[in-house]
């Protein structure tokens, strides 16, 4: 993987999502609470919680909010979130995977199905598109974290499987089970990452024209706006030229 960064398209809505601060914080809080409930409330002893806390810090979430979300896990509250994955097809033959944390499956399924049907897509069954993706660990560093050589060296030393450096930053891929260890080693060498998460990486990407890209981005926005939806992944590739026309 080199040159044009296809994955940045998949992450591209992050900028738009950052504007919805409260929406973003509530999603981060939910992930922290679920992670703390599933293991120990100590981030050092609970890899998933550590990732959740690091991602919250990377989005400038206040320490008090983070602690409150951890405390909520041991507070015996009635909220019981479960992880649900939805798979479907978007405009232009794109494949979409939606990860959610919900305390009401019916509500979330209805909202996700509606978002697909109103924006040129349709919800499939579980497994309908996941076979076209790999489940991998993903670590993102900003460009200023270091030169391409420095980051490449650190990533190889840490046991990463693949790395792409562009002007937008450094994308580092690991085996899913190695994510926590690689992220910890990289933190020592490069400082805190911008993003550390388990990702769905497409095996092949589909180029979007202007019309399909515009509809697809509406679909992603509609999904992102739902409080239960944590992350949206896709196999689409939107060129910079098309993106400028759509957003212009």
C-alpha atoms as a PDB file:
ATOM      1  CA  UNK A   1       0.000   0.000   0.000  1.00  0.00           C
ATOM      2  CA  UNK A   2       1.543   3.242  -1.092  1.00  0.00           C
ATOM      3  CA  UNK A   3       0.659   6.575  -2.614  1.00  0.00           C
ATOM      4  CA  UNK A   4      -2.960   7.699  -2.495  1.00  0.00           C
ATOM      5  CA  UNK A   5      -4.469   6.759   0.815  1.00  0.00           C
ATOM      6  CA  UNK A   6      -7.718   4.911   0.176  1.00  0.00           C
ATOM      7  CA  UNK A   7      -8.351   4.430   3.868  1.00  0.00           C
ATOM      8  CA  UNK A   8      -8.579   8.151   4.533  1.00  0.00           C
ATOM      9  CA  UNK A   9     -11.826   8.089   2.541  1.00  0.00           C
ATOM     10  CA  UNK A  10     -13.226   5.587   4.980  1.00  0.00           C
ATOM     11  CA  UNK A  11     -12.199   7.798   7.872  1.00  0.00           C
ATOM     12  CA  UNK A  12     -13.051  11.001   6.008  1.00  0.00           C
ATOM     13  CA  UNK A  13     -16.210  11.776   7.966  1.00  0.00           C
ATOM     14  CA  UNK A  14     -14.156  12.170  11.133  1.00  0.00           C
ATOM     15  CA  UNK A  15     -13.866  15.907  10.452  1.00  0.00           C
ATOM     16  CA  UNK A  16     -17.620  16.256  10.164  1.00  0.00           C
ATOM     17  CA  UNK A  17     -18.096  14.110  13.231  1.00  0.00           C
ATOM     18  CA  UNK A  18     -15.703  16.251  15.250  1.00  0.00           C
ATOM     19  CA  UNK A  19     -18.133  19.133  14.845  1.00  0.00           C
ATOM     20  CA  UNK A  20     -20.778  17.099  16.611  1.00  0.00           C
ATOM     21  CA  UNK A  21     -18.838  17.123  19.847  1.00  0.00           C
ATOM     22  CA  UNK A  22     -21.611  16.036  22.203  1.00  0.00           C
ATOM     23  CA  UNK A  23     -22.674  13.224  19.889  1.00  0.00           C
ATOM     24  CA  UNK A  24     -19.062  12.058  19.640  1.00  0.00           C
ATOM     25  CA  UNK A  25     -18.470  12.223  23.399  1.00  0.00           C
ATOM     26  CA  UNK A  26     -21.569  10.160  24.119  1.00  0.00           C
ATOM     27  CA  UNK A  27     -20.337   7.442  21.724  1.00  0.00           C
ATOM     28  CA  UNK A  28     -16.873   7.455  23.281  1.00  0.00           C
ATOM     29  CA  UNK A  29     -18.405   7.284  26.776  1.00  0.00           C
ATOM     30  CA  UNK A  30     -20.529   4.329  25.801  1.00  0.00           C
ATOM     31  CA  UNK A  31     -17.504   2.421  24.477  1.00  0.00           C
ATOM     32  CA  UNK A  32     -15.539   3.178  27.676  1.00  0.00           C
ATOM     33  CA  UNK A  33     -18.392   1.968  29.888  1.00  0.00           C
ATOM     34  CA  UNK A  34     -18.853  -1.249  27.875  1.00  0.00           C
ATOM     35  CA  UNK A  35     -15.101  -1.937  27.868  1.00  0.00           C
ATOM     36  CA  UNK A  36     -14.873  -1.354  31.641  1.00  0.00           C
ATOM     37  CA  UNK A  37     -17.850  -3.658  32.246  1.00  0.00           C
ATOM     38  CA  UNK A  38     -16.383  -6.452  30.145  1.00  0.00           C
ATOM     39  CA  UNK A  39     -13.073  -6.458  31.990  1.00  0.00           C
ATOM     40  CA  UNK A  40     -11.473  -4.601  34.855  1.00  0.00           C
ATOM     41  CA  UNK A  41     -11.981  -0.813  35.281  1.00  0.00           C
ATOM     42  CA  UNK A  42      -8.181  -0.363  35.199  1.00  0.00           C
ATOM     43  CA  UNK A  43      -7.034   0.689  31.687  1.00  0.00           C
ATOM     44  CA  UNK A  44      -3.561  -0.743  32.315  1.00  0.00           C
ATOM     45  CA  UNK A  45      -5.040  -4.207  32.875  1.00  0.00           C
ATOM     46  CA  UNK A  46      -7.813  -3.989  30.267  1.00  0.00           C
ATOM     47  CA  UNK A  47      -6.579  -3.557  26.662  1.00  0.00           C
ATOM     48  CA  UNK A  48      -9.992  -2.671  25.236  1.00  0.00           C
ATOM     49  CA  UNK A  49     -10.575  -0.045  27.908  1.00  0.00           C
ATOM     50  CA  UNK A  50      -7.112   1.397  27.327  1.00  0.00           C
ATOM     51  CA  UNK A  51      -7.884   1.774  23.604  1.00  0.00           C
ATOM     52  CA  UNK A  52     -11.231   3.401  24.402  1.00  0.00           C
ATOM     53  CA  UNK A  53      -9.643   5.849  26.856  1.00  0.00           C
ATOM     54  CA  UNK A  54      -6.822   6.687  24.408  1.00  0.00           C
ATOM     55  CA  UNK A  55      -9.329   7.363  21.612  1.00  0.00           C
ATOM     56  CA  UNK A  56     -11.333   9.602  23.947  1.00  0.00           C
ATOM     57  CA  UNK A  57      -8.171  11.535  24.871  1.00  0.00           C
ATOM     58  CA  UNK A  58      -7.271  11.881  21.181  1.00  0.00           C
ATOM     59  CA  UNK A  59     -10.653  13.594  20.672  1.00  0.00           C
ATOM     60  CA  UNK A  60      -9.945  15.978  23.591  1.00  0.00           C
ATOM     61  CA  UNK A  61     -12.606  14.439  25.801  1.00  0.00           C
ATOM     62  CA  UNK A  62     -12.261  15.883  29.338  1.00  0.00           C
ATOM     63  CA  UNK A  63     -10.749  13.617  32.021  1.00  0.00           C
ATOM     64  CA  UNK A  64     -13.862  13.987  34.183  1.00  0.00           C
ATOM     65  CA  UNK A  65     -16.051  12.602  31.399  1.00  0.00           C
ATOM     66  CA  UNK A  66     -13.699   9.650  30.931  1.00  0.00           C
ATOM     67  CA  UNK A  67     -13.670   8.848  34.652  1.00  0.00           C
ATOM     68  CA  UNK A  68     -17.449   9.186  34.846  1.00  0.00           C
ATOM     69  CA  UNK A  69     -17.846   6.653  32.014  1.00  0.00           C
ATOM     70  CA  UNK A  70     -15.525   4.195  33.802  1.00  0.00           C
ATOM     71  CA  UNK A  71     -17.338   4.676  37.120  1.00  0.00           C
ATOM     72  CA  UNK A  72     -20.669   4.056  35.412  1.00  0.00           C
ATOM     73  CA  UNK A  73     -19.574   0.498  34.632  1.00  0.00           C
ATOM     74  CA  UNK A  74     -19.260  -0.411  38.301  1.00  0.00           C
ATOM     75  CA  UNK A  75     -22.223   1.708  39.387  1.00  0.00           C
ATOM     76  CA  UNK A  76     -24.690  -1.079  38.738  1.00  0.00           C
ATOM     77  CA  UNK A  77     -26.761   1.006  36.333  1.00  0.00           C
ATOM     78  CA  UNK A  78     -29.564  -0.650  34.395  1.00  0.00           C
ATOM     79  CA  UNK A  79     -28.160   0.174  30.974  1.00  0.00           C
ATOM     80  CA  UNK A  80     -26.877  -2.962  29.340  1.00  0.00           C
ATOM     81  CA  UNK A  81     -25.311  -2.373  25.957  1.00  0.00           C
ATOM     82  CA  UNK A  82     -24.562  -5.133  23.484  1.00  0.00           C
ATOM     83  CA  UNK A  83     -22.429  -5.030  20.379  1.00  0.00           C
ATOM     84  CA  UNK A  84     -24.297  -5.416  17.116  1.00  0.00           C
ATOM     85  CA  UNK A  85     -22.972  -5.403  13.554  1.00  0.00           C
ATOM     86  CA  UNK A  86     -25.052  -4.516  10.507  1.00  0.00           C
ATOM     87  CA  UNK A  87     -23.995  -5.072   6.920  1.00  0.00           C
ATOM     88  CA  UNK A  88     -25.465  -3.628   3.765  1.00  0.00           C
ATOM     89  CA  UNK A  89     -24.981  -2.094   0.356  1.00  0.00           C
ATOM     90  CA  UNK A  90     -24.667   1.590  -0.387  1.00  0.00           C
ATOM     91  CA  UNK A  91     -24.842   3.537  -3.669  1.00  0.00           C
ATOM     92  CA  UNK A  92     -22.579   2.534  -6.558  1.00  0.00           C
ATOM     93  CA  UNK A  93     -22.139  -1.037  -5.376  1.00  0.00           C
ATOM     94  CA  UNK A  94     -20.377  -0.013  -2.173  1.00  0.00           C
ATOM     95  CA  UNK A  95     -20.356  -2.363   0.817  1.00  0.00           C
ATOM     96  CA  UNK A  96     -20.939  -0.909   4.294  1.00  0.00           C
ATOM     97  CA  UNK A  97     -20.354  -2.335   7.776  1.00  0.00           C
ATOM     98  CA  UNK A  98     -21.970  -0.569  10.736  1.00  0.00           C
ATOM     99  CA  UNK A  99     -20.852  -1.265  14.304  1.00  0.00           C
ATOM    100  CA  UNK A 100     -23.256  -0.306  17.087  1.00  0.00           C
ATOM    101  CA  UNK A 101     -23.573  -0.485  20.866  1.00  0.00           C
ATOM    102  CA  UNK A 102     -27.222  -0.635  21.804  1.00  0.00           C
ATOM    103  CA  UNK A 103     -29.573  -1.288  24.710  1.00  0.00           C
ATOM    104  CA  UNK A 104     -32.480  -1.792  22.283  1.00  0.00           C
ATOM    105  CA  UNK A 105     -31.812  -3.926  19.193  1.00  0.00           C
ATOM    106  CA  UNK A 106     -35.197  -3.192  17.591  1.00  0.00           C
ATOM    107  CA  UNK A 107     -34.710   0.582  17.804  1.00  0.00           C
ATOM    108  CA  UNK A 108     -31.213   0.422  16.341  1.00  0.00           C
ATOM    109  CA  UNK A 109     -32.099  -2.038  13.556  1.00  0.00           C
ATOM    110  CA  UNK A 110     -35.037   0.145  12.486  1.00  0.00           C
ATOM    111  CA  UNK A 111     -32.892   3.308  12.472  1.00  0.00           C
ATOM    112  CA  UNK A 112     -30.077   1.653  10.502  1.00  0.00           C
ATOM    113  CA  UNK A 113     -32.489   0.104   7.988  1.00  0.00           C
ATOM    114  CA  UNK A 114     -34.206   3.479   7.488  1.00  0.00           C
ATOM    115  CA  UNK A 115     -30.860   5.257   6.938  1.00  0.00           C
ATOM    116  CA  UNK A 116     -29.935   2.723   4.230  1.00  0.00           C
ATOM    117  CA  UNK A 117     -33.300   2.766   2.440  1.00  0.00           C
ATOM    118  CA  UNK A 118     -33.578   6.579   2.423  1.00  0.00           C
ATOM    119  CA  UNK A 119     -30.063   7.046   1.026  1.00  0.00           C
ATOM    120  CA  UNK A 120     -29.735   4.699  -1.921  1.00  0.00           C
ATOM    121  CA  UNK A 121     -28.777   1.572  -0.044  1.00  0.00           C
ATOM    122  CA  UNK A 122     -30.250  -1.572   1.437  1.00  0.00           C
ATOM    123  CA  UNK A 123     -29.505  -3.511   4.591  1.00  0.00           C
ATOM    124  CA  UNK A 124     -28.251  -7.058   4.077  1.00  0.00           C
ATOM    125  CA  UNK A 125     -27.962 -10.032   6.397  1.00  0.00           C
ATOM    126  CA  UNK A 126     -25.012 -10.589   8.728  1.00  0.00           C
ATOM    127  CA  UNK A 127     -22.081 -11.895   6.696  1.00  0.00           C
ATOM    128  CA  UNK A 128     -23.402 -10.480   3.412  1.00  0.00           C
ATOM    129  CA  UNK A 129     -20.466  -8.085   2.958  1.00  0.00           C
ATOM    130  CA  UNK A 130     -17.969  -8.862   5.751  1.00  0.00           C
ATOM    131  CA  UNK A 131     -16.272 -11.511   3.580  1.00  0.00           C
ATOM    132  CA  UNK A 132     -14.930  -8.646   1.450  1.00  0.00           C
ATOM    133  CA  UNK A 133     -13.114  -7.113   4.448  1.00  0.00           C
ATOM    134  CA  UNK A 134     -10.326  -8.121   6.808  1.00  0.00           C
ATOM    135  CA  UNK A 135     -10.590  -7.570  10.570  1.00  0.00           C
ATOM    136  CA  UNK A 136      -7.343  -5.792  11.457  1.00  0.00           C
ATOM    137  CA  UNK A 137      -5.885  -3.402  13.982  1.00  0.00           C
ATOM    138  CA  UNK A 138      -5.533   0.188  12.774  1.00  0.00           C
ATOM    139  CA  UNK A 139      -3.328   2.924  14.223  1.00  0.00           C
ATOM    140  CA  UNK A 140      -3.249   6.454  12.817  1.00  0.00           C
ATOM    141  CA  UNK A 141      -0.518   9.002  13.523  1.00  0.00           C
ATOM    142  CA  UNK A 142      -0.522  12.602  12.286  1.00  0.00           C
ATOM    143  CA  UNK A 143       2.115  13.504   9.685  1.00  0.00           C
ATOM    144  CA  UNK A 144       4.064  15.509  12.287  1.00  0.00           C
ATOM    145  CA  UNK A 145       4.665  12.367  14.380  1.00  0.00           C
ATOM    146  CA  UNK A 146       7.833  11.826  12.355  1.00  0.00           C
ATOM    147  CA  UNK A 147       9.337  11.227   8.933  1.00  0.00           C
ATOM    148  CA  UNK A 148       8.197   8.285   6.827  1.00  0.00           C
ATOM    149  CA  UNK A 149      11.425   6.436   7.641  1.00  0.00           C
ATOM    150  CA  UNK A 150      11.180   7.063  11.369  1.00  0.00           C
ATOM    151  CA  UNK A 151       7.577   5.852  11.555  1.00  0.00           C
ATOM    152  CA  UNK A 152       8.262   2.883   9.265  1.00  0.00           C
ATOM    153  CA  UNK A 153      11.185   1.810  11.434  1.00  0.00           C
ATOM    154  CA  UNK A 154       9.177   2.158  14.653  1.00  0.00           C
ATOM    155  CA  UNK A 155       6.212   0.283  13.160  1.00  0.00           C
ATOM    156  CA  UNK A 156       8.366  -2.606  11.917  1.00  0.00           C
ATOM    157  CA  UNK A 157      10.140  -2.778  15.250  1.00  0.00           C
ATOM    158  CA  UNK A 158       6.749  -2.938  17.008  1.00  0.00           C
ATOM    159  CA  UNK A 159       5.540  -5.800  14.800  1.00  0.00           C
ATOM    160  CA  UNK A 160       3.126  -3.955  12.488  1.00  0.00           C
ATOM    161  CA  UNK A 161       2.100  -5.683   9.265  1.00  0.00           C
ATOM    162  CA  UNK A 162       1.667  -2.751   6.896  1.00  0.00           C
ATOM    163  CA  UNK A 163       2.212   0.995   6.834  1.00  0.00           C
ATOM    164  CA  UNK A 164       1.241   3.810   4.478  1.00  0.00           C
ATOM    165  CA  UNK A 165       2.583   7.328   4.856  1.00  0.00           C
ATOM    166  CA  UNK A 166       0.948  10.241   3.032  1.00  0.00           C
ATOM    167  CA  UNK A 167       0.774  13.983   3.604  1.00  0.00           C
ATOM    168  CA  UNK A 168      -2.330  13.265   5.730  1.00  0.00           C
ATOM    169  CA  UNK A 169      -0.509  11.032   8.189  1.00  0.00           C
ATOM    170  CA  UNK A 170       0.770   7.539   8.860  1.00  0.00           C
ATOM    171  CA  UNK A 171      -1.610   4.569   8.692  1.00  0.00           C
ATOM    172  CA  UNK A 172      -0.342   1.469  10.461  1.00  0.00           C
ATOM    173  CA  UNK A 173      -2.030  -1.942  10.219  1.00  0.00           C
ATOM    174  CA  UNK A 174      -1.572  -4.887  12.574  1.00  0.00           C
ATOM    175  CA  UNK A 175      -3.084  -8.304  13.130  1.00  0.00           C
ATOM    176  CA  UNK A 176      -6.235  -7.834  15.240  1.00  0.00           C
ATOM    177  CA  UNK A 177      -4.771  -9.699  18.207  1.00  0.00           C
ATOM    178  CA  UNK A 178      -1.536  -7.647  18.080  1.00  0.00           C
ATOM    179  CA  UNK A 179      -3.185  -4.214  18.149  1.00  0.00           C
ATOM    180  CA  UNK A 180      -2.784  -3.510  21.862  1.00  0.00           C
ATOM    181  CA  UNK A 181       0.870  -4.560  21.996  1.00  0.00           C
ATOM    182  CA  UNK A 182       1.876  -2.734  18.802  1.00  0.00           C
ATOM    183  CA  UNK A 183       0.037   0.418  19.931  1.00  0.00           C
ATOM    184  CA  UNK A 184       1.819   0.318  23.325  1.00  0.00           C
ATOM    185  CA  UNK A 185       5.243  -0.097  21.700  1.00  0.00           C
ATOM    186  CA  UNK A 186       4.564   2.680  19.187  1.00  0.00           C
ATOM    187  CA  UNK A 187       3.440   5.022  21.958  1.00  0.00           C
ATOM    188  CA  UNK A 188       6.882   4.696  23.545  1.00  0.00           C
ATOM    189  CA  UNK A 189       8.577   5.506  20.233  1.00  0.00           C
ATOM    190  CA  UNK A 190       6.228   8.092  18.695  1.00  0.00           C
ATOM    191  CA  UNK A 191       3.943   9.358  21.469  1.00  0.00           C
ATOM    192  CA  UNK A 192       0.167   8.996  21.570  1.00  0.00           C
ATOM    193  CA  UNK A 193      -1.626   7.987  18.368  1.00  0.00           C
ATOM    194  CA  UNK A 194      -4.546   9.905  16.916  1.00  0.00           C
ATOM    195  CA  UNK A 195      -6.611   6.726  16.475  1.00  0.00           C
ATOM    196  CA  UNK A 196      -6.221   3.159  17.694  1.00  0.00           C
ATOM    197  CA  UNK A 197      -9.024   0.740  16.875  1.00  0.00           C
ATOM    198  CA  UNK A 198     -10.072  -2.551  15.395  1.00  0.00           C
ATOM    199  CA  UNK A 199     -11.008  -1.857  11.802  1.00  0.00           C
ATOM    200  CA  UNK A 200     -12.675  -3.469   8.817  1.00  0.00           C
ATOM    201  CA  UNK A 201     -10.235  -3.077   5.948  1.00  0.00           C
ATOM    202  CA  UNK A 202     -11.675  -3.731   2.471  1.00  0.00           C
ATOM    203  CA  UNK A 203      -9.859  -6.233   0.241  1.00  0.00           C
ATOM    204  CA  UNK A 204     -10.951  -4.283  -2.834  1.00  0.00           C
ATOM    205  CA  UNK A 205     -12.312  -0.750  -3.137  1.00  0.00           C
ATOM    206  CA  UNK A 206     -15.009   0.639  -5.424  1.00  0.00           C
ATOM    207  CA  UNK A 207     -14.502   4.025  -7.108  1.00  0.00           C
ATOM    208  CA  UNK A 208     -17.372   6.454  -6.559  1.00  0.00           C
ATOM    209  CA  UNK A 209     -18.503   8.963  -9.160  1.00  0.00           C
ATOM    210  CA  UNK A 210     -19.885  12.345  -8.107  1.00  0.00           C
ATOM    211  CA  UNK A 211     -23.552  11.265  -8.003  1.00  0.00           C
ATOM    212  CA  UNK A 212     -22.954   8.078  -6.007  1.00  0.00           C
ATOM    213  CA  UNK A 213     -20.445   9.805  -3.700  1.00  0.00           C
ATOM    214  CA  UNK A 214     -22.986  12.515  -2.786  1.00  0.00           C
ATOM    215  CA  UNK A 215     -25.649   9.926  -1.887  1.00  0.00           C
ATOM    216  CA  UNK A 216     -23.146   7.716  -0.069  1.00  0.00           C
ATOM    217  CA  UNK A 217     -21.956  10.576   2.140  1.00  0.00           C
ATOM    218  CA  UNK A 218     -25.573  11.338   3.064  1.00  0.00           C
ATOM    219  CA  UNK A 219     -25.966   7.695   4.082  1.00  0.00           C
ATOM    220  CA  UNK A 220     -22.819   7.813   6.223  1.00  0.00           C
ATOM    221  CA  UNK A 221     -23.940  11.075   7.852  1.00  0.00           C
ATOM    222  CA  UNK A 222     -27.363   9.577   8.625  1.00  0.00           C
ATOM    223  CA  UNK A 223     -25.716   6.546  10.245  1.00  0.00           C
ATOM    224  CA  UNK A 224     -23.172   8.690  12.130  1.00  0.00           C
ATOM    225  CA  UNK A 225     -25.990  10.823  13.536  1.00  0.00           C
ATOM    226  CA  UNK A 226     -27.490   7.814  15.310  1.00  0.00           C
ATOM    227  CA  UNK A 227     -26.370   7.640  18.955  1.00  0.00           C
ATOM    228  CA  UNK A 228     -26.187   3.839  18.867  1.00  0.00           C
ATOM    229  CA  UNK A 229     -23.826   3.703  15.878  1.00  0.00           C
ATOM    230  CA  UNK A 230     -20.173   3.645  16.890  1.00  0.00           C
ATOM    231  CA  UNK A 231     -18.326   3.293  13.583  1.00  0.00           C
ATOM    232  CA  UNK A 232     -19.145   3.045   9.886  1.00  0.00           C
ATOM    233  CA  UNK A 233     -16.752   1.244   7.544  1.00  0.00           C
ATOM    234  CA  UNK A 234     -16.941   0.915   3.772  1.00  0.00           C
ATOM    235  CA  UNK A 235     -15.072  -0.269   0.687  1.00  0.00           C
ATOM    236  CA  UNK A 236     -15.605   2.935  -1.291  1.00  0.00           C
ATOM    237  CA  UNK A 237     -12.891   5.158  -2.719  1.00  0.00           C
ATOM    238  CA  UNK A 238     -13.714   8.794  -3.398  1.00  0.00           C
ATOM    239  CA  UNK A 239     -11.031  10.670  -5.308  1.00  0.00           C
ATOM    240  CA  UNK A 240      -9.957  14.100  -4.073  1.00  0.00           C
ATOM    241  CA  UNK A 241     -11.448  15.653  -7.244  1.00  0.00           C
ATOM    242  CA  UNK A 242     -14.862  14.062  -6.658  1.00  0.00           C
ATOM    243  CA  UNK A 243     -14.737  14.940  -2.961  1.00  0.00           C
ATOM    244  CA  UNK A 244     -14.102  18.604  -3.766  1.00  0.00           C
ATOM    245  CA  UNK A 245     -17.099  18.703  -6.130  1.00  0.00           C
ATOM    246  CA  UNK A 246     -19.374  16.984  -3.616  1.00  0.00           C
ATOM    247  CA  UNK A 247     -18.340  19.154  -0.688  1.00  0.00           C
ATOM    248  CA  UNK A 248     -17.850  22.344  -2.693  1.00  0.00           C
END
